[in-house]
Structure formats: C-alpha cells, structure tokens
Amino acid sequence: MNDRATRRVSGSDIPPSIARGGDTGALLVDSAISHCEKLRRVLELEEWIIGTPDNPILATTCRKWKEEHEQLLSELHLERLDAADVGPVTD
C-alpha cells in the first residue's frame, strides 16, 4: 500500500459518538468516498494543467487549477506527489 496515501488516526480524529461505540461503518464509507472524490479531482486537475499550453489567456485559470490542486494534495496528505511520481497513464 502507498504510505503517502495513508496516515495514522489519533484519538482526537474520532468523533466522541463513534468513540463511545457508535457505528463506524457509515463514517468509513463517507470518508472513503470523500477521499476518492478528491483523488479524482486531483487527477482531473493534473490532466488540465499538463494539457494547457503556456497561453497568456489561460494563465489565470491555470493558476487557479494549480492552487486547487495543491490544496487537495495537502488535504489528502500527498503534498510531495507530482506527475513524475505517478508516471504515465497506460491502458
């Protein structure tokens, strides 16, 4: 498993209702869905950023994509991930 895509969970990360024996299944599913949606968005943004030529007309938009990309990587604790780490997409 990729260590960069996982992190340790501390007691403070778990809501009190779950820590007292509540249903953790729903939280895990919601967390996994959110994680997958963010990863999908990261990949989508990378594709757009790489596919956008150095065009002054698109500079502002590309800068916003890069900012969103960095924010999502930070939220996913993947700050050091870049296209070179992933490699080319093959079928």
C-alpha atoms as a PDB file:
ATOM      1  CA  MET A   1       0.000   0.000   0.000  1.00  0.00           C
ATOM      2  CA  ASN A   2       1.211   3.515  -0.753  1.00  0.00           C
ATOM      3  CA  ASP A   3       2.379   5.074   2.534  1.00  0.00           C
ATOM      4  CA  ARG A   4       1.738   8.563   1.187  1.00  0.00           C
ATOM      5  CA  ALA A   5      -1.968   7.789   0.812  1.00  0.00           C
ATOM      6  CA  THR A   6      -2.401   6.645   4.405  1.00  0.00           C
ATOM      7  CA  ARG A   7      -1.877   8.236   7.774  1.00  0.00           C
ATOM      8  CA  ARG A   8      -2.273   7.251  11.381  1.00  0.00           C
ATOM      9  CA  VAL A   9      -5.527   8.117  13.100  1.00  0.00           C
ATOM     10  CA  SER A  10      -5.282   9.604  16.559  1.00  0.00           C
ATOM     11  CA  GLY A  11      -7.964   9.515  19.207  1.00  0.00           C
ATOM     12  CA  SER A  12      -8.757  13.174  18.556  1.00  0.00           C
ATOM     13  CA  ASP A  13      -9.667  12.334  14.928  1.00  0.00           C
ATOM     14  CA  ILE A  14     -12.547  10.105  16.030  1.00  0.00           C
ATOM     15  CA  PRO A  15     -15.820  11.863  16.936  1.00  0.00           C
ATOM     16  CA  PRO A  16     -16.979  11.178  20.531  1.00  0.00           C
ATOM     17  CA  SER A  17     -20.186   9.456  19.361  1.00  0.00           C
ATOM     18  CA  ILE A  18     -18.143   6.860  17.485  1.00  0.00           C
ATOM     19  CA  ALA A  19     -15.504   6.550  20.190  1.00  0.00           C
ATOM     20  CA  ARG A  20     -18.293   5.547  22.594  1.00  0.00           C
ATOM     21  CA  GLY A  21     -19.198   2.614  20.377  1.00  0.00           C
ATOM     22  CA  GLY A  22     -21.256   4.241  17.646  1.00  0.00           C
ATOM     23  CA  ASP A  23     -21.494   2.928  14.095  1.00  0.00           C
ATOM     24  CA  THR A  24     -18.129   3.418  12.403  1.00  0.00           C
ATOM     25  CA  GLY A  25     -19.220   1.877   9.086  1.00  0.00           C
ATOM     26  CA  ALA A  26     -21.006   4.984   7.826  1.00  0.00           C
ATOM     27  CA  LEU A  27     -18.084   7.215   8.774  1.00  0.00           C
ATOM     28  CA  LEU A  28     -15.615   4.966   6.986  1.00  0.00           C
ATOM     29  CA  VAL A  29     -17.750   4.868   3.838  1.00  0.00           C
ATOM     30  CA  ASP A  30     -18.211   8.651   3.846  1.00  0.00           C
ATOM     31  CA  SER A  31     -14.505   9.162   4.417  1.00  0.00           C
ATOM     32  CA  ALA A  32     -13.567   6.753   1.615  1.00  0.00           C
ATOM     33  CA  ILE A  33     -15.997   8.416  -0.806  1.00  0.00           C
ATOM     34  CA  SER A  34     -14.653  11.867   0.037  1.00  0.00           C
ATOM     35  CA  HIS A  35     -11.080  10.650  -0.373  1.00  0.00           C
ATOM     36  CA  CYS A  36     -11.859   9.106  -3.775  1.00  0.00           C
ATOM     37  CA  GLU A  37     -13.639  12.247  -4.972  1.00  0.00           C
ATOM     38  CA  LYS A  38     -10.633  14.384  -4.005  1.00  0.00           C
ATOM     39  CA  LEU A  39      -8.234  11.985  -5.730  1.00  0.00           C
ATOM     40  CA  ARG A  40     -10.393  12.048  -8.873  1.00  0.00           C
ATOM     41  CA  ARG A  41     -10.347  15.843  -8.824  1.00  0.00           C
ATOM     42  CA  VAL A  42      -6.551  15.902  -8.327  1.00  0.00           C
ATOM     43  CA  LEU A  43      -6.078  13.706 -11.383  1.00  0.00           C
ATOM     44  CA  GLU A  44      -8.521  15.791 -13.403  1.00  0.00           C
ATOM     45  CA  LEU A  45      -6.684  18.997 -12.471  1.00  0.00           C
ATOM     46  CA  GLU A  46      -3.306  17.442 -13.300  1.00  0.00           C
ATOM     47  CA  GLU A  47      -4.608  16.480 -16.729  1.00  0.00           C
ATOM     48  CA  TRP A  48      -5.866  20.010 -17.373  1.00  0.00           C
ATOM     49  CA  ILE A  49      -2.670  21.653 -16.073  1.00  0.00           C
ATOM     50  CA  ILE A  50      -0.391  19.413 -18.152  1.00  0.00           C
ATOM     51  CA  GLY A  51      -2.607  19.770 -21.225  1.00  0.00           C
ATOM     52  CA  THR A  52      -2.758  23.558 -21.065  1.00  0.00           C
ATOM     53  CA  PRO A  53      -0.061  25.183 -23.185  1.00  0.00           C
ATOM     54  CA  ASP A  54       1.639  28.337 -21.951  1.00  0.00           C
ATOM     55  CA  ASN A  55      -1.170  30.555 -23.142  1.00  0.00           C
ATOM     56  CA  PRO A  56      -1.492  34.017 -21.543  1.00  0.00           C
ATOM     57  CA  ILE A  57      -5.261  33.872 -21.984  1.00  0.00           C
ATOM     58  CA  LEU A  58      -5.450  30.756 -19.779  1.00  0.00           C
ATOM     59  CA  ALA A  59      -2.814  31.849 -17.231  1.00  0.00           C
ATOM     60  CA  THR A  60      -5.307  32.928 -14.552  1.00  0.00           C
ATOM     61  CA  THR A  61      -7.397  29.790 -14.943  1.00  0.00           C
ATOM     62  CA  CYS A  62      -4.341  27.549 -14.856  1.00  0.00           C
ATOM     63  CA  ARG A  63      -3.093  29.312 -11.717  1.00  0.00           C
ATOM     64  CA  LYS A  64      -6.466  28.616 -10.025  1.00  0.00           C
ATOM     65  CA  TRP A  65      -6.245  24.949 -11.057  1.00  0.00           C
ATOM     66  CA  LYS A  66      -2.746  24.737  -9.564  1.00  0.00           C
ATOM     67  CA  GLU A  67      -3.919  26.334  -6.311  1.00  0.00           C
ATOM     68  CA  GLU A  68      -6.852  23.920  -6.035  1.00  0.00           C
ATOM     69  CA  HIS A  69      -4.531  21.014  -6.910  1.00  0.00           C
ATOM     70  CA  GLU A  70      -2.093  21.983  -4.115  1.00  0.00           C
ATOM     71  CA  GLN A  71      -4.937  22.426  -1.611  1.00  0.00           C
ATOM     72  CA  LEU A  72      -6.358  18.971  -2.386  1.00  0.00           C
ATOM     73  CA  LEU A  73      -2.919  17.350  -2.140  1.00  0.00           C
ATOM     74  CA  SER A  74      -2.482  18.997   1.248  1.00  0.00           C
ATOM     75  CA  GLU A  75      -5.885  17.748   2.443  1.00  0.00           C
ATOM     76  CA  LEU A  76      -5.000  14.247   1.255  1.00  0.00           C
ATOM     77  CA  HIS A  77      -1.540  14.458   2.891  1.00  0.00           C
ATOM     78  CA  LEU A  78       0.094  13.975  -0.523  1.00  0.00           C
ATOM     79  CA  GLU A  79       1.951  17.285  -0.679  1.00  0.00           C
ATOM     80  CA  ARG A  80       5.001  15.783  -2.389  1.00  0.00           C
ATOM     81  CA  LEU A  81       3.078  13.952  -5.119  1.00  0.00           C
ATOM     82  CA  ASP A  82       3.603  15.233  -8.633  1.00  0.00           C
ATOM     83  CA  ALA A  83       3.125  13.900 -12.129  1.00  0.00           C
ATOM     84  CA  ALA A  84       6.658  12.444 -12.154  1.00  0.00           C
ATOM     85  CA  ASP A  85       5.775  10.257  -9.119  1.00  0.00           C
ATOM     86  CA  VAL A  86       2.685   8.879 -10.823  1.00  0.00           C
ATOM     87  CA  GLY A  87       4.192   8.107 -14.215  1.00  0.00           C
ATOM     88  CA  PRO A  88       2.343   7.863 -17.499  1.00  0.00           C
ATOM     89  CA  VAL A  89      -1.190   6.538 -17.684  1.00  0.00           C
ATOM     90  CA  THR A  90      -1.441   3.356 -19.741  1.00  0.00           C
ATOM     91  CA  ASP A  91      -4.387   1.228 -20.791  1.00  0.00           C
END
